[in-house]
Amino acid sequence: MSDGLWGFLGVVTGVAATSAARAVEWWFKQGRAAGKRKAALRRMLNTDFNNGWRRIETLSRVIGADVETTRNLLLEIDARCSEKEGQEKWALISKHPIPTHSDND
C-alpha cells in the first residue's frame, strides 16, 4: 500500500477513536448527572413540605433539567403525578400510593 493510504487510514482511525472516547465520556457524565438529579428529586419529595407534593416547574428548575427529562427521572424514582386537574404536582408513590377507584377510570 502507498504511504498516502496508510496516512489516510491513520487519520480515520484517530478520528474514530476520539469520537468514541468523547461519546463514552458524555455517557458517563450524563449518568452521573442523572444520579445526582434523582437524589435531589428524592430529597425534595421526602420532605413534609406541601404534604410531599411538588410542582413540576419547581422540580425542573431545582435540578436544572427540562420538564420532560424531569418527568422521566420522577418515574424512575417511583414518583407519580397528582390526579387533580390544574397544576402538575408530583409525589413519591411510597408517600402517596396511587388510589384505587371502584369506577372504571
C-alpha atoms as a PDB file:
ATOM      1  CA  MET A   1       0.000   0.000   0.000  1.00  0.00           C
ATOM      2  CA  SER A   2       1.079   3.546  -0.578  1.00  0.00           C
ATOM      3  CA  ASP A   3       2.143   5.867   2.215  1.00  0.00           C
ATOM      4  CA  GLY A   4      -0.809   8.146   1.415  1.00  0.00           C
ATOM      5  CA  LEU A   5      -3.326   5.369   2.002  1.00  0.00           C
ATOM      6  CA  TRP A   6      -1.685   4.421   5.316  1.00  0.00           C
ATOM      7  CA  GLY A   7      -1.764   8.057   6.360  1.00  0.00           C
ATOM      8  CA  PHE A   8      -5.446   8.322   5.440  1.00  0.00           C
ATOM      9  CA  LEU A   9      -6.263   5.158   7.418  1.00  0.00           C
ATOM     10  CA  GLY A  10      -4.360   6.585  10.399  1.00  0.00           C
ATOM     11  CA  VAL A  11      -6.393   9.783  10.288  1.00  0.00           C
ATOM     12  CA  VAL A  12      -9.678   7.864  10.037  1.00  0.00           C
ATOM     13  CA  THR A  13      -8.675   5.635  12.944  1.00  0.00           C
ATOM     14  CA  GLY A  14      -7.691   8.652  15.056  1.00  0.00           C
ATOM     15  CA  VAL A  15     -10.982  10.434  14.368  1.00  0.00           C
ATOM     16  CA  ALA A  16     -12.974   7.293  15.188  1.00  0.00           C
ATOM     17  CA  ALA A  17     -11.069   6.729  18.437  1.00  0.00           C
ATOM     18  CA  THR A  18     -11.504  10.360  19.520  1.00  0.00           C
ATOM     19  CA  SER A  19     -15.210  10.274  18.710  1.00  0.00           C
ATOM     20  CA  ALA A  20     -15.664   7.042  20.659  1.00  0.00           C
ATOM     21  CA  ALA A  21     -13.794   8.444  23.669  1.00  0.00           C
ATOM     22  CA  ARG A  22     -15.944  11.583  23.672  1.00  0.00           C
ATOM     23  CA  ALA A  23     -19.118   9.504  23.402  1.00  0.00           C
ATOM     24  CA  VAL A  24     -18.086   7.378  26.389  1.00  0.00           C
ATOM     25  CA  GLU A  25     -17.163  10.493  28.408  1.00  0.00           C
ATOM     26  CA  TRP A  26     -20.556  12.091  27.585  1.00  0.00           C
ATOM     27  CA  TRP A  27     -22.363   8.876  28.584  1.00  0.00           C
ATOM     28  CA  PHE A  28     -20.607   8.761  31.977  1.00  0.00           C
ATOM     29  CA  LYS A  29     -21.291  12.455  32.623  1.00  0.00           C
ATOM     30  CA  GLN A  30     -24.956  12.004  31.768  1.00  0.00           C
ATOM     31  CA  GLY A  31     -25.194   9.018  34.098  1.00  0.00           C
ATOM     32  CA  ARG A  32     -23.599  10.949  36.955  1.00  0.00           C
ATOM     33  CA  ALA A  33     -25.839  13.947  36.323  1.00  0.00           C
ATOM     34  CA  ALA A  34     -28.949  11.756  36.239  1.00  0.00           C
ATOM     35  CA  GLY A  35     -27.946  10.119  39.516  1.00  0.00           C
ATOM     36  CA  LYS A  36     -27.449  13.493  41.181  1.00  0.00           C
ATOM     37  CA  ARG A  37     -30.738  14.763  39.777  1.00  0.00           C
ATOM     38  CA  LYS A  38     -32.608  11.689  41.049  1.00  0.00           C
ATOM     39  CA  ALA A  39     -31.086  12.129  44.508  1.00  0.00           C
ATOM     40  CA  ALA A  40     -32.163  15.774  44.583  1.00  0.00           C
ATOM     41  CA  LEU A  41     -35.695  14.836  43.494  1.00  0.00           C
ATOM     42  CA  ARG A  42     -35.917  12.185  46.229  1.00  0.00           C
ATOM     43  CA  ARG A  43     -34.768  14.706  48.848  1.00  0.00           C
ATOM     44  CA  MET A  44     -37.323  17.272  47.675  1.00  0.00           C
ATOM     45  CA  LEU A  45     -40.177  14.739  47.682  1.00  0.00           C
ATOM     46  CA  ASN A  46     -39.189  13.130  51.001  1.00  0.00           C
ATOM     47  CA  THR A  47     -39.970  16.274  52.968  1.00  0.00           C
ATOM     48  CA  ASP A  48     -43.194  17.233  54.678  1.00  0.00           C
ATOM     49  CA  PHE A  49     -43.285  20.476  52.704  1.00  0.00           C
ATOM     50  CA  ASN A  50     -46.663  20.790  50.980  1.00  0.00           C
ATOM     51  CA  ASN A  51     -47.505  17.268  52.170  1.00  0.00           C
ATOM     52  CA  GLY A  52     -44.848  15.809  49.857  1.00  0.00           C
ATOM     53  CA  TRP A  53     -46.313  17.245  46.632  1.00  0.00           C
ATOM     54  CA  ARG A  54     -44.147  19.482  44.419  1.00  0.00           C
ATOM     55  CA  ARG A  55     -44.894  21.368  41.202  1.00  0.00           C
ATOM     56  CA  ILE A  56     -43.110  20.066  38.100  1.00  0.00           C
ATOM     57  CA  GLU A  57     -41.792  23.553  37.324  1.00  0.00           C
ATOM     58  CA  THR A  58     -40.127  23.778  40.738  1.00  0.00           C
ATOM     59  CA  LEU A  59     -38.630  20.294  40.457  1.00  0.00           C
ATOM     60  CA  SER A  60     -37.292  21.027  36.961  1.00  0.00           C
ATOM     61  CA  ARG A  61     -35.796  24.341  37.969  1.00  0.00           C
ATOM     62  CA  VAL A  62     -34.043  22.931  41.039  1.00  0.00           C
ATOM     63  CA  ILE A  63     -32.401  20.021  39.185  1.00  0.00           C
ATOM     64  CA  GLY A  64     -31.590  22.085  36.090  1.00  0.00           C
ATOM     65  CA  ALA A  65     -33.455  19.928  33.608  1.00  0.00           C
ATOM     66  CA  ASP A  66     -36.306  20.434  31.187  1.00  0.00           C
ATOM     67  CA  VAL A  67     -39.790  19.310  32.171  1.00  0.00           C
ATOM     68  CA  GLU A  68     -39.759  16.145  30.034  1.00  0.00           C
ATOM     69  CA  THR A  69     -36.418  14.980  31.477  1.00  0.00           C
ATOM     70  CA  THR A  70     -37.720  15.722  34.969  1.00  0.00           C
ATOM     71  CA  ARG A  71     -40.857  13.644  34.348  1.00  0.00           C
ATOM     72  CA  ASN A  72     -38.739  10.693  33.177  1.00  0.00           C
ATOM     73  CA  LEU A  73     -36.481  10.925  36.228  1.00  0.00           C
ATOM     74  CA  LEU A  74     -39.509  11.144  38.526  1.00  0.00           C
ATOM     75  CA  LEU A  75     -40.916   7.945  37.043  1.00  0.00           C
ATOM     76  CA  GLU A  76     -37.538   6.258  37.547  1.00  0.00           C
ATOM     77  CA  ILE A  77     -37.596   7.093  41.272  1.00  0.00           C
ATOM     78  CA  ASP A  78     -41.181   5.793  41.647  1.00  0.00           C
ATOM     79  CA  ALA A  79     -42.977   9.106  41.819  1.00  0.00           C
ATOM     80  CA  ARG A  80     -46.398   9.853  40.406  1.00  0.00           C
ATOM     81  CA  CYS A  81     -48.355  12.817  39.210  1.00  0.00           C
ATOM     82  CA  SER A  82     -51.434  14.058  41.039  1.00  0.00           C
ATOM     83  CA  GLU A  83     -54.839  13.143  39.626  1.00  0.00           C
ATOM     84  CA  LYS A  84     -56.151  16.637  40.337  1.00  0.00           C
ATOM     85  CA  GLU A  85     -56.680  18.989  37.419  1.00  0.00           C
ATOM     86  CA  GLY A  86     -54.644  22.175  37.299  1.00  0.00           C
ATOM     87  CA  GLN A  87     -51.019  22.429  38.300  1.00  0.00           C
ATOM     88  CA  GLU A  88     -48.926  19.351  37.623  1.00  0.00           C
ATOM     89  CA  LYS A  89     -47.700  18.152  41.030  1.00  0.00           C
ATOM     90  CA  TRP A  90     -45.628  15.069  41.824  1.00  0.00           C
ATOM     91  CA  ALA A  91     -45.035  12.945  44.933  1.00  0.00           C
ATOM     92  CA  LEU A  92     -43.348   9.669  45.802  1.00  0.00           C
ATOM     93  CA  ILE A  93     -45.655   6.668  45.471  1.00  0.00           C
ATOM     94  CA  SER A  94     -44.389   5.435  48.836  1.00  0.00           C
ATOM     95  CA  LYS A  95     -45.881   8.552  50.471  1.00  0.00           C
ATOM     96  CA  HIS A  96     -48.920   8.867  48.206  1.00  0.00           C
ATOM     97  CA  PRO A  97     -49.914   5.496  46.705  1.00  0.00           C
ATOM     98  CA  ILE A  98     -51.970   5.500  43.556  1.00  0.00           C
ATOM     99  CA  PRO A  99     -55.615   5.404  44.663  1.00  0.00           C
ATOM    100  CA  THR A 100     -57.789   2.567  43.502  1.00  0.00           C
ATOM    101  CA  HIS A 101     -61.221   3.566  42.306  1.00  0.00           C
ATOM    102  CA  SER A 102     -64.285   1.396  42.091  1.00  0.00           C
ATOM    103  CA  ASP A 103     -65.451   3.117  38.926  1.00  0.00           C
ATOM    104  CA  ASN A 104     -63.765   2.305  35.625  1.00  0.00           C
ATOM    105  CA  ASP A 105     -61.493   5.363  35.202  1.00  0.00           C
END
